[in-house]
Protein backbone atom coordinates (compact mmCIF):
# COMPACT_ATOMS: atom_id res chain seq x y z
CA UNK A 1 87.45 181.14 -151.55
CA UNK A 2 89.56 184.30 -151.97
CA UNK A 3 92.52 184.34 -154.88
CA UNK A 4 95.25 186.10 -155.44
CA UNK A 5 97.19 187.22 -158.28
CA UNK A 6 101.04 188.11 -158.22
CA UNK A 7 100.92 191.24 -160.19
CA UNK A 8 97.86 192.61 -158.57
CA UNK A 9 98.61 191.61 -154.74
CA UNK A 10 102.51 192.11 -154.70
CA UNK A 11 103.13 194.38 -157.38
CA UNK A 12 106.52 195.63 -156.13
CA UNK A 13 107.65 191.69 -155.25
CA UNK A 14 107.96 192.11 -151.47
CA UNK A 15 106.67 188.90 -150.08
CA UNK A 16 110.31 187.34 -150.08
CA UNK A 17 111.13 189.91 -147.32
CA UNK A 18 107.75 190.18 -145.75
CA UNK A 19 107.03 186.97 -143.82
CA UNK A 20 103.40 188.10 -143.03
CA UNK A 21 102.62 189.16 -146.65
CA UNK A 22 104.13 186.05 -147.73
CA UNK A 23 101.66 184.10 -145.57
CA UNK A 24 98.97 186.00 -146.75
CA UNK A 25 99.11 185.49 -150.26
CA UNK A 26 100.08 181.56 -149.71
CA UNK A 27 96.68 181.46 -148.02
CA UNK A 28 94.51 183.29 -150.88
CA UNK A 29 96.46 180.79 -153.45
CA UNK A 30 95.90 178.03 -151.84
CA UNK A 31 93.20 175.24 -152.08
CA UNK A 32 91.81 175.80 -148.74
CA UNK A 33 88.48 174.60 -147.03
CA UNK A 34 88.95 176.59 -143.72
CA UNK A 35 87.06 175.30 -140.74
CA UNK A 36 88.36 178.18 -138.36
CA UNK A 37 87.04 181.76 -137.80
CA UNK A 38 86.31 184.27 -139.43
CA UNK A 39 82.42 183.31 -139.91
CA UNK A 40 82.50 184.48 -143.49
CA UNK A 41 85.09 181.71 -144.69
CA UNK A 42 85.97 184.16 -147.34
CA UNK A 43 83.01 183.79 -149.32
CA UNK A 44 81.36 186.93 -150.81
CA UNK A 45 78.11 185.30 -151.42
CA UNK A 46 76.32 186.57 -148.11
CA UNK A 47 77.31 190.09 -147.61
CA UNK A 48 79.42 190.82 -150.72
CA UNK A 49 83.22 192.17 -150.97
CA UNK A 50 82.99 193.92 -147.99
CA UNK A 51 84.90 190.68 -146.51
CA UNK A 52 86.77 189.85 -149.54
CA UNK A 53 90.48 188.80 -148.96
CA UNK A 54 89.76 189.18 -144.87
CA UNK A 55 92.21 186.86 -143.23
CA UNK A 56 93.07 186.37 -139.68
CA UNK A 57 96.26 186.10 -138.25
CA UNK A 58 95.83 183.02 -136.38
CA UNK A 59 94.57 180.27 -138.53
CA UNK A 60 95.11 182.13 -141.92
CA UNK A 61 98.43 183.94 -142.35
CA UNK A 62 99.98 181.64 -140.41
CA UNK A 63 98.42 178.42 -138.46
CA UNK A 64 96.39 178.54 -135.33
CA UNK A 65 99.43 177.58 -133.26
CA UNK A 66 101.90 180.09 -135.22
CA UNK A 67 103.57 176.90 -136.68
CA UNK A 68 105.41 179.04 -139.08
CA UNK A 69 106.61 182.06 -136.53
CA UNK A 70 105.63 184.58 -139.30
CA UNK A 71 104.88 187.23 -136.82
CA UNK A 72 107.88 186.85 -134.55
CA UNK A 73 110.08 187.01 -137.80
CA UNK A 74 108.23 190.04 -139.27
CA UNK A 75 108.56 191.80 -135.77
CA UNK A 76 112.30 191.25 -135.65
CA UNK A 77 112.69 192.91 -139.01
CA UNK A 78 110.68 195.86 -137.63
CA UNK A 79 113.06 196.21 -134.79
CA UNK A 80 116.18 195.75 -137.00
CA UNK A 81 115.06 198.48 -139.50
CA UNK A 82 114.36 200.98 -136.48
CA UNK A 83 117.08 200.13 -134.46
CA UNK A 84 115.01 198.67 -131.65
CA UNK A 85 115.43 195.53 -129.52
CA UNK A 86 111.86 195.11 -128.91
CA UNK A 87 108.98 195.93 -131.42
CA UNK A 88 105.50 194.50 -131.96
CA UNK A 89 103.23 194.93 -135.08
CA UNK A 90 99.68 196.18 -133.67
CA UNK A 91 96.03 195.86 -135.45
CA UNK A 92 94.68 198.21 -132.94
CA UNK A 93 96.53 201.44 -134.04
CA UNK A 94 99.02 203.83 -132.33
CA UNK A 95 95.93 203.86 -129.73
CA UNK A 96 97.23 200.22 -128.66
CA UNK A 97 100.55 201.23 -128.83
CA UNK A 98 100.16 204.23 -126.41
CA UNK A 99 98.54 202.21 -123.83
CA UNK A 100 101.60 199.84 -124.38
CA UNK A 101 103.95 202.47 -123.17
CA UNK A 102 101.59 203.66 -120.63
CA UNK A 103 101.36 200.23 -118.87
CA UNK A 104 105.26 199.73 -119.50
CA UNK A 105 106.55 203.06 -117.83
CA UNK A 106 105.41 203.04 -114.06
CA UNK A 107 102.98 201.72 -111.21
CA UNK A 108 99.62 203.27 -110.11
CA UNK A 109 100.07 206.70 -108.70
CA UNK A 110 103.75 207.55 -110.50
CA UNK A 111 104.20 210.74 -112.03
CA UNK A 112 104.91 211.10 -115.84
CA UNK A 113 105.71 214.23 -117.75
CA UNK A 114 103.18 214.39 -120.74
CA UNK A 115 102.66 217.01 -123.33
CA UNK A 116 99.20 218.26 -122.75
CA UNK A 117 98.62 218.27 -126.74
CA UNK A 118 98.23 214.34 -126.55
CA UNK A 119 95.80 212.45 -128.24
CA UNK A 120 93.16 210.98 -126.35
CA UNK A 121 94.46 207.40 -126.77
CA UNK A 122 97.79 208.38 -124.45
CA UNK A 123 95.52 210.20 -121.89
CA UNK A 124 93.45 206.83 -121.77
CA UNK A 125 96.35 204.94 -121.68
CA UNK A 126 97.78 206.87 -118.64
CA UNK A 127 94.03 206.37 -117.01
CA UNK A 128 94.02 202.65 -117.57
CA UNK A 129 97.68 202.51 -115.78
CA UNK A 130 96.83 204.76 -112.87
CA UNK A 131 99.50 207.19 -113.65
CA UNK A 132 99.58 210.56 -112.54
CA UNK A 133 100.20 213.27 -115.61
CA UNK A 134 102.50 216.13 -115.12
CA UNK A 135 101.27 218.24 -117.91
CA UNK A 136 104.16 220.14 -120.20
CA UNK A 137 102.71 222.61 -122.61
CA UNK A 138 103.90 223.91 -126.06
CA UNK A 139 103.60 227.43 -126.82
CA UNK A 140 101.30 228.70 -129.55
CA UNK A 141 102.89 230.69 -132.71
CA UNK A 142 100.73 234.15 -133.03
CA UNK A 143 100.87 234.09 -136.69
CA UNK A 144 99.70 230.74 -137.47
CA UNK A 145 98.04 229.83 -134.41
CA UNK A 146 99.67 226.48 -134.25
CA UNK A 147 101.52 224.81 -131.41
CA UNK A 148 105.55 225.22 -131.48
CA UNK A 149 107.92 223.17 -130.25
CA UNK A 150 108.37 222.36 -126.54
CA UNK A 151 111.23 224.11 -125.18
CA UNK A 152 113.94 221.67 -123.51
CA UNK A 153 114.51 223.91 -120.44
CA UNK A 154 110.69 223.64 -119.58
CA UNK A 155 110.94 220.05 -119.50
CA UNK A 156 114.22 220.32 -117.31
CA UNK A 157 112.37 222.52 -115.10
CA UNK A 158 109.44 220.21 -114.55
CA UNK A 159 111.78 217.21 -113.89
CA UNK A 160 113.61 219.26 -111.39
CA UNK A 161 110.12 219.79 -109.68
CA UNK A 162 109.29 216.20 -110.17
CA UNK A 163 112.19 214.14 -109.34
CA UNK A 164 110.38 211.22 -108.75
CA UNK A 165 108.85 211.30 -112.38
CA UNK A 166 109.26 207.79 -114.21
CA UNK A 167 109.16 208.79 -117.77
CA UNK A 168 108.36 211.52 -120.11
CA UNK A 169 105.98 211.28 -123.11
CA UNK A 170 105.84 213.46 -125.86
CA UNK A 171 103.95 213.85 -129.35
CA UNK A 172 106.16 214.24 -132.21
CA UNK A 173 105.01 215.18 -134.58
CA UNK A 174 102.02 216.90 -133.29
CA UNK A 175 98.91 216.41 -135.70
CA UNK A 176 99.72 219.70 -137.67
CA UNK A 177 103.49 218.49 -138.22
CA UNK A 178 105.44 220.44 -135.99
CA UNK A 179 108.28 218.98 -133.78
CA UNK A 180 110.54 219.54 -130.84
CA UNK A 181 114.19 218.95 -130.53
CA UNK A 182 113.51 215.07 -129.47
CA UNK A 183 117.32 214.77 -129.26
CA UNK A 184 117.59 217.49 -126.33
CA UNK A 185 114.58 216.15 -124.79
CA UNK A 186 116.13 212.70 -124.59
CA UNK A 187 119.29 213.72 -123.34
CA UNK A 188 117.10 215.59 -120.52
CA UNK A 189 115.27 212.56 -119.69
CA UNK A 190 118.19 210.44 -119.36
CA UNK A 191 120.26 212.52 -117.35
CA UNK A 192 117.24 212.14 -114.87
CA UNK A 193 117.18 208.40 -115.48
CA UNK A 194 114.02 207.89 -116.93
CA UNK A 195 112.77 207.03 -120.55
CA UNK A 196 111.59 209.30 -123.29
CA UNK A 197 108.65 207.36 -125.17
CA UNK A 198 107.16 209.49 -128.25
CA UNK A 199 103.68 209.20 -130.11
CA UNK A 200 105.02 209.12 -133.34
CA UNK A 201 101.74 208.36 -134.79
CA UNK A 202 101.95 210.65 -137.79
CA UNK A 203 105.59 210.53 -138.72
CA UNK A 204 105.95 206.65 -139.80
CA UNK A 205 108.30 207.77 -142.54
CA UNK A 206 110.65 209.93 -140.76
CA UNK A 207 114.18 208.88 -140.45
CA UNK A 208 113.81 207.26 -144.08
CA UNK A 209 115.15 209.78 -146.25
CA UNK A 210 118.00 212.57 -145.44
CA UNK A 211 115.94 215.34 -145.84
CA UNK A 212 113.70 214.34 -143.32
CA UNK A 213 113.82 214.67 -139.57
CA UNK A 214 115.20 211.42 -137.81
CA UNK A 215 112.96 209.08 -136.26
CA UNK A 216 112.38 209.26 -132.40
CA UNK A 217 114.85 206.27 -131.87
CA UNK A 218 117.70 207.83 -134.22
CA UNK A 219 117.03 211.10 -131.85
CA UNK A 220 117.49 209.16 -128.73
CA UNK A 221 114.20 208.38 -127.45
CA UNK A 222 113.72 205.04 -125.66
CA UNK A 223 110.25 204.10 -127.27
CA UNK A 224 108.15 205.07 -130.35
CA UNK A 225 104.89 204.46 -131.49
CA UNK A 226 103.68 204.66 -135.09
CA UNK A 227 100.95 204.59 -137.54
CA UNK A 228 101.78 202.46 -140.59
CA UNK A 229 98.28 203.47 -142.01
CA UNK A 230 98.09 207.36 -141.06
CA UNK A 231 101.10 208.14 -143.67
CA UNK A 232 102.18 205.00 -145.36
CA UNK A 233 100.25 202.44 -147.60
CA UNK A 234 98.97 199.94 -145.01
CA UNK A 235 95.61 198.89 -143.95
CA UNK A 236 93.81 201.24 -141.43
CA UNK A 237 94.37 200.25 -137.76
CA UNK A 238 98.11 198.88 -138.59
CA UNK A 239 100.47 200.34 -136.17
CA UNK A 240 104.16 199.48 -134.94
CA UNK A 241 105.38 199.95 -131.12
CA UNK A 242 108.92 199.52 -130.70
CA UNK A 243 111.68 200.39 -127.80
CA UNK A 244 115.08 200.11 -126.38
CA UNK A 245 115.18 198.43 -123.24
CA UNK A 246 117.73 199.88 -121.49
CA UNK A 247 115.58 202.20 -119.44
CA UNK A 248 112.30 200.11 -119.96
CA UNK A 249 111.53 196.40 -118.90
CA UNK A 250 110.96 194.19 -121.96
CA UNK A 251 108.67 191.97 -119.65
CA UNK A 252 106.63 194.56 -118.95
CA UNK A 253 106.64 196.00 -122.34
CA UNK A 254 105.31 192.66 -123.56
CA UNK A 255 102.52 192.43 -120.56
CA UNK A 256 101.29 195.76 -121.50
CA UNK A 257 100.83 194.95 -125.35
CA UNK A 258 98.86 192.13 -124.57
CA UNK A 259 96.97 194.03 -122.04
CA UNK A 260 94.91 195.78 -124.63
CA UNK A 261 95.35 193.81 -127.74
CA UNK A 262 92.61 191.80 -129.47
CA UNK A 263 92.70 187.91 -129.37
CA UNK A 264 91.76 188.03 -132.78
CA UNK A 265 94.02 189.99 -134.88
CA UNK A 266 93.46 190.95 -138.65
CA UNK A 267 95.91 189.08 -140.62
CA UNK A 268 95.11 191.08 -143.10
CA UNK A 269 95.91 194.35 -141.13
CA UNK A 270 99.27 192.79 -139.72
CA UNK A 271 100.46 191.55 -143.23
CA UNK A 272 99.99 195.25 -144.61
CA UNK A 273 102.16 196.50 -141.79
CA UNK A 274 104.92 193.90 -142.69
CA UNK A 275 104.53 194.63 -146.42
CA UNK A 276 104.93 198.75 -145.53
CA UNK A 277 108.17 197.97 -143.53
CA UNK A 278 109.55 195.87 -146.64
CA UNK A 279 108.80 198.95 -148.78
CA UNK A 280 110.70 201.25 -146.70
CA UNK A 281 113.68 199.18 -146.31
CA UNK A 282 113.89 198.78 -150.04
CA UNK A 283 112.35 202.03 -151.75
CA UNK A 284 111.70 204.45 -148.79
CA UNK A 285 114.36 206.69 -149.77
CA UNK A 286 113.12 207.01 -153.49
CA UNK A 287 109.51 206.92 -152.81
CA UNK A 288 109.94 209.80 -149.99
CA UNK A 289 112.08 211.77 -152.21
CA UNK A 290 109.14 211.88 -154.81
CA UNK A 291 106.86 212.81 -152.03
CA UNK A 292 108.95 215.43 -150.74
CA UNK A 293 109.37 217.07 -154.47
CA UNK A 294 105.47 217.08 -155.00
CA UNK A 295 104.70 218.62 -151.62
CA UNK A 296 107.28 221.41 -152.16
CA UNK A 297 105.74 222.14 -155.47
CA UNK A 298 102.42 221.96 -154.25
CA UNK A 299 103.53 224.32 -151.10
CA UNK A 300 104.50 226.95 -153.79
CA UNK A 301 101.47 226.77 -155.53
CA UNK A 302 99.33 227.27 -152.59
CA UNK A 303 101.55 230.13 -151.06
CA UNK A 304 101.20 232.08 -154.75
CA UNK A 305 97.23 232.13 -153.89
CA UNK A 306 96.80 235.71 -152.31
CA UNK A 307 95.97 235.24 -148.89
CA UNK A 308 96.73 231.91 -148.36
CA UNK A 309 99.79 230.67 -146.47
CA UNK A 310 101.57 226.95 -146.59
CA UNK A 311 103.48 226.44 -143.59
CA UNK A 312 107.13 226.40 -144.64
CA UNK A 313 109.84 224.34 -143.23
CA UNK A 314 112.20 226.32 -141.37
CA UNK A 315 109.66 228.98 -140.98
CA UNK A 316 109.05 228.54 -137.08
CA UNK A 317 112.52 229.49 -135.50
CA UNK A 318 113.43 226.69 -133.25
CA UNK A 319 110.30 224.46 -134.00
CA UNK A 320 110.73 221.82 -136.93
CA UNK A 321 108.24 221.54 -139.53
CA UNK A 322 107.83 218.28 -141.10
CA UNK A 323 108.47 218.95 -144.81
CA UNK A 324 105.82 216.01 -145.82
CA UNK A 325 102.96 218.08 -144.00
CA UNK A 326 100.97 220.34 -145.90
CA UNK A 327 99.30 222.63 -143.26
CA UNK A 328 97.41 225.66 -145.01
CA UNK A 329 96.53 228.77 -143.03
CA UNK A 330 93.28 230.75 -144.61
CA UNK A 331 92.83 233.71 -142.45
CA UNK A 332 94.57 236.08 -144.42
CA UNK A 333 92.04 235.22 -147.19
CA UNK A 334 88.94 235.43 -145.22
CA UNK A 335 88.15 232.21 -145.50
CA UNK A 336 86.06 230.12 -143.10
CA UNK A 337 88.15 226.74 -143.21
CA UNK A 338 84.98 224.53 -142.19
CA UNK A 339 82.90 226.10 -145.10
CA UNK A 340 85.74 225.45 -147.46
CA UNK A 341 86.11 221.80 -146.46
CA UNK A 342 82.47 221.11 -146.88
CA UNK A 343 82.99 222.55 -150.83
CA UNK A 344 86.01 220.50 -151.16
CA UNK A 345 84.20 217.27 -149.80
CA UNK A 346 81.49 218.06 -152.65
CA UNK A 347 84.16 218.65 -155.19
CA UNK A 348 85.66 214.84 -154.39
CA UNK A 349 88.50 216.09 -152.06
CA UNK A 350 88.09 215.30 -148.53
CA UNK A 351 90.86 216.46 -146.22
CA UNK A 352 92.20 215.00 -143.20
CA UNK A 353 91.37 218.15 -141.30
CA UNK A 354 89.89 222.06 -140.99
CA UNK A 355 88.97 224.00 -138.56
CA UNK A 356 88.19 228.23 -138.74
CA UNK A 357 91.81 229.01 -139.78
CA UNK A 358 93.41 225.56 -141.08
CA UNK A 359 93.20 223.00 -143.68
CA UNK A 360 95.29 220.08 -143.94
CA UNK A 361 95.44 217.52 -146.77
CA UNK A 362 97.33 214.45 -146.36
CA UNK A 363 99.73 213.68 -149.01
CA UNK A 364 101.43 210.39 -149.06
CA UNK A 365 103.92 208.03 -151.13
CA UNK A 366 100.55 206.98 -152.53
CA UNK A 367 99.91 210.57 -154.40
CA UNK A 368 101.05 211.87 -157.59
CA UNK A 369 101.80 215.32 -158.68
CA UNK A 370 98.62 215.31 -160.55
CA UNK A 371 96.52 214.39 -157.72
CA UNK A 372 98.13 217.22 -155.84
CA UNK A 373 97.76 219.74 -158.48
CA UNK A 374 94.06 218.92 -158.92
CA UNK A 375 93.73 219.37 -155.42
CA UNK A 376 95.15 222.88 -155.48
CA UNK A 377 93.54 223.71 -158.45
CA UNK A 378 90.11 223.20 -156.81
CA UNK A 379 91.18 224.56 -153.58
CA UNK A 380 92.13 228.05 -155.37
CA UNK A 381 88.84 228.23 -157.00
CA UNK A 382 86.85 227.60 -153.79
CA UNK A 383 89.21 230.19 -151.82
CA UNK A 384 87.96 232.89 -154.21
CA UNK A 385 84.35 231.86 -153.94
CA UNK A 386 84.56 231.87 -150.23
CA UNK A 387 87.21 235.09 -150.12
CA UNK A 388 86.52 237.76 -147.45
CA UNK A 389 88.40 240.25 -145.12
CA UNK A 390 91.54 239.11 -143.59
CA UNK A 391 91.36 238.35 -139.88
CA UNK A 392 94.06 237.69 -137.17
CA UNK A 393 94.20 233.70 -136.68
CA UNK A 394 92.04 232.19 -133.66
CA UNK A 395 93.99 229.24 -132.23
CA UNK A 396 92.26 226.31 -131.64
CA UNK A 397 91.27 225.24 -127.96
CA UNK A 398 93.18 221.88 -128.74
CA UNK A 399 96.41 223.77 -128.63
CA UNK A 400 95.79 226.22 -125.81
CA UNK A 401 94.01 224.33 -123.22
CA UNK A 402 95.71 224.76 -119.60
CA UNK A 403 93.22 223.32 -117.18
CA UNK A 404 94.11 222.87 -113.57
CA UNK A 405 94.55 219.21 -112.71
CA UNK A 406 92.81 218.45 -109.50
CA UNK A 407 92.70 214.35 -109.22
CA UNK A 408 94.28 211.72 -111.51
CA UNK A 409 92.45 210.78 -114.48
CA UNK A 410 91.73 207.22 -113.15
CA UNK A 411 90.34 208.60 -109.80
CA UNK A 412 88.14 211.18 -111.63
CA UNK A 413 86.89 208.47 -114.02
CA UNK A 414 85.83 205.90 -111.33
CA UNK A 415 84.62 208.73 -109.17
CA UNK A 416 80.93 209.16 -108.26
CA UNK A 417 79.61 211.27 -110.93
CA UNK A 418 76.85 213.50 -111.90
CA UNK A 419 75.26 215.52 -114.88
CA UNK A 420 75.10 219.34 -114.45
CA UNK A 421 74.28 222.41 -116.64
CA UNK A 422 76.92 223.95 -118.68
CA UNK A 423 76.91 227.09 -116.48
CA UNK A 424 77.14 224.83 -113.40
CA UNK A 425 79.89 222.62 -114.75
CA UNK A 426 82.05 225.86 -114.31
CA UNK A 427 85.00 225.17 -111.59
CA UNK A 428 83.95 221.49 -110.93
CA UNK A 429 85.96 218.48 -111.63
CA UNK A 430 85.43 216.69 -114.93
CA UNK A 431 84.23 213.09 -114.99
CA UNK A 432 84.43 212.79 -118.77
CA UNK A 433 87.01 213.45 -121.77
CA UNK A 434 85.98 215.72 -124.45
CA UNK A 435 87.53 216.37 -127.52
CA UNK A 436 87.16 218.06 -130.87
CA UNK A 437 87.88 215.48 -133.51
CA UNK A 438 90.17 215.75 -135.31
CA UNK A 439 92.62 216.25 -134.02
CA UNK A 440 91.45 214.21 -130.83
CA UNK A 441 93.21 216.48 -128.06
CA UNK A 442 91.18 216.50 -124.88
CA UNK A 443 89.92 220.04 -124.01
CA UNK A 444 88.24 218.38 -120.96
CA UNK A 445 90.10 215.49 -119.29
CA UNK A 446 88.83 213.57 -116.20
CA UNK A 447 90.57 214.98 -113.13
CA UNK A 448 90.71 218.74 -114.63
CA UNK A 449 88.59 221.60 -113.14
CA UNK A 450 86.47 222.87 -115.75
CA UNK A 451 86.85 226.42 -116.85
CA UNK A 452 84.38 228.89 -118.52
CA UNK A 453 86.57 229.43 -121.39
CA UNK A 454 86.91 225.84 -122.47
CA UNK A 455 83.26 225.32 -122.64
CA UNK A 456 82.93 228.40 -124.61
CA UNK A 457 85.35 226.89 -127.03
CA UNK A 458 83.94 223.70 -127.26
CA UNK A 459 80.52 225.20 -128.22
CA UNK A 460 81.77 227.35 -130.68
CA UNK A 461 83.69 224.25 -132.48
CA UNK A 462 80.53 222.53 -132.24
CA UNK A 463 78.27 225.42 -133.60
CA UNK A 464 80.94 225.78 -136.36
CA UNK A 465 80.30 222.12 -137.52
CA UNK A 466 83.22 220.46 -135.49
CA UNK A 467 83.04 216.68 -134.62
CA UNK A 468 83.10 217.19 -130.60
CA UNK A 469 83.30 213.43 -129.41
CA UNK A 470 82.98 211.47 -126.26
CA UNK A 471 80.93 213.61 -124.36
CA UNK A 472 78.01 211.94 -122.55
CA UNK A 473 75.86 214.73 -123.94
CA UNK A 474 76.70 215.55 -127.36
CA UNK A 475 74.76 218.80 -127.34
CA UNK A 476 77.14 220.05 -124.69
CA UNK A 477 74.37 221.38 -122.62
CA UNK A 478 75.48 219.24 -119.69
CA UNK A 479 78.83 217.84 -118.54
CA UNK A 480 79.65 214.91 -116.40
CA UNK A 481 81.57 216.27 -113.40
CA UNK A 482 82.99 214.51 -110.08
CA UNK A 483 80.21 214.35 -107.15
CA UNK A 484 81.01 216.71 -104.56
């Protein structure tokens, strides 16, 4: 039977403000002989410590019938902290939250305005809900090769052209920390009587320090999704989805959440999200202040390396740059980011993302200045071993894709399809989603016409060592297309 220790399992004393964490620790400290799932019963005698302290939500953190109402209490605390009037804790990541909002905003066939640099999870949510995306594209900064803010005037034009659109989906911040003016986009959406929904998976800490941008609800959005595991110290797969319901139907949100939720949620994951919420409420400003300071110091050290440019807040005009995010451009040093990543892994410093020109090491409140300094030292020495001639940045296909939408994603997904060679796929309608990962932005999406340039970019990424996911043929020699 698992056990708990006060100093080890709740070192900051959060349980008094975290009902799910409290239930989790009560179970571990109790003399319980469980006759519920999971099948390992808390024993590590069979498969080892991989299942240690794994608890279900139902029959673990709370009773099967949720007698203690711990989940409802925890979710109300989420709503209170972020200023929402509906909130749920997900054990299915921001993927689940994005799908919830897609189910809630419209009916099959309805148009929604969506940033084309969306994560695959949101695209699949749109497909599942049968929505028709109208793509809105960011510009790409010529110096860094990174996506910039989406101009509010672009959203205004699209809504004027598509007055029947039921909502707007943005990803703010994007994978590499750049952000649009969310408040301006919210005003435009609301002037058209529709909600603005924000995938804020990479910005769970936004709004909890005065030197950080506000979170999406503070900026006027109607809903946000965020991952408590990506940038905060929670279990992998933990996430939050929350909304203000003036323009979104609470019942639809609830049904949308349950539509793709597991019926066996992990109590450990949910309790960790609850603990993180309590941590942000009590200590967020202090902890994030420390993180902002060490990231600023790390950025200064990186920018002192010849040919290395760490993206600075305020350096991209109207584009907001998340000051916690470290985005490092290596093109001026003539370094191949993919090769540098491999050497960093061998040195014991895996990073969140790397492509030909860019390295993104994640820094969170769990890191210390010593951690970051050791990374920068290793990074600097490896740059010297890889240094070459400066080159022009080559933007990732994830940021530049502008394929023509011919069918809705849902119609293309369910249409009769066939496999054809890469050469024959050019000009055909894609039946599949193909994305370099990370960042997981689809270069090919169901319903879009396949362009030769997109196939070339995918093959280039594959040849350089990028993980290209979700294609039926992982070699990219053939593609799935809608049968003519």
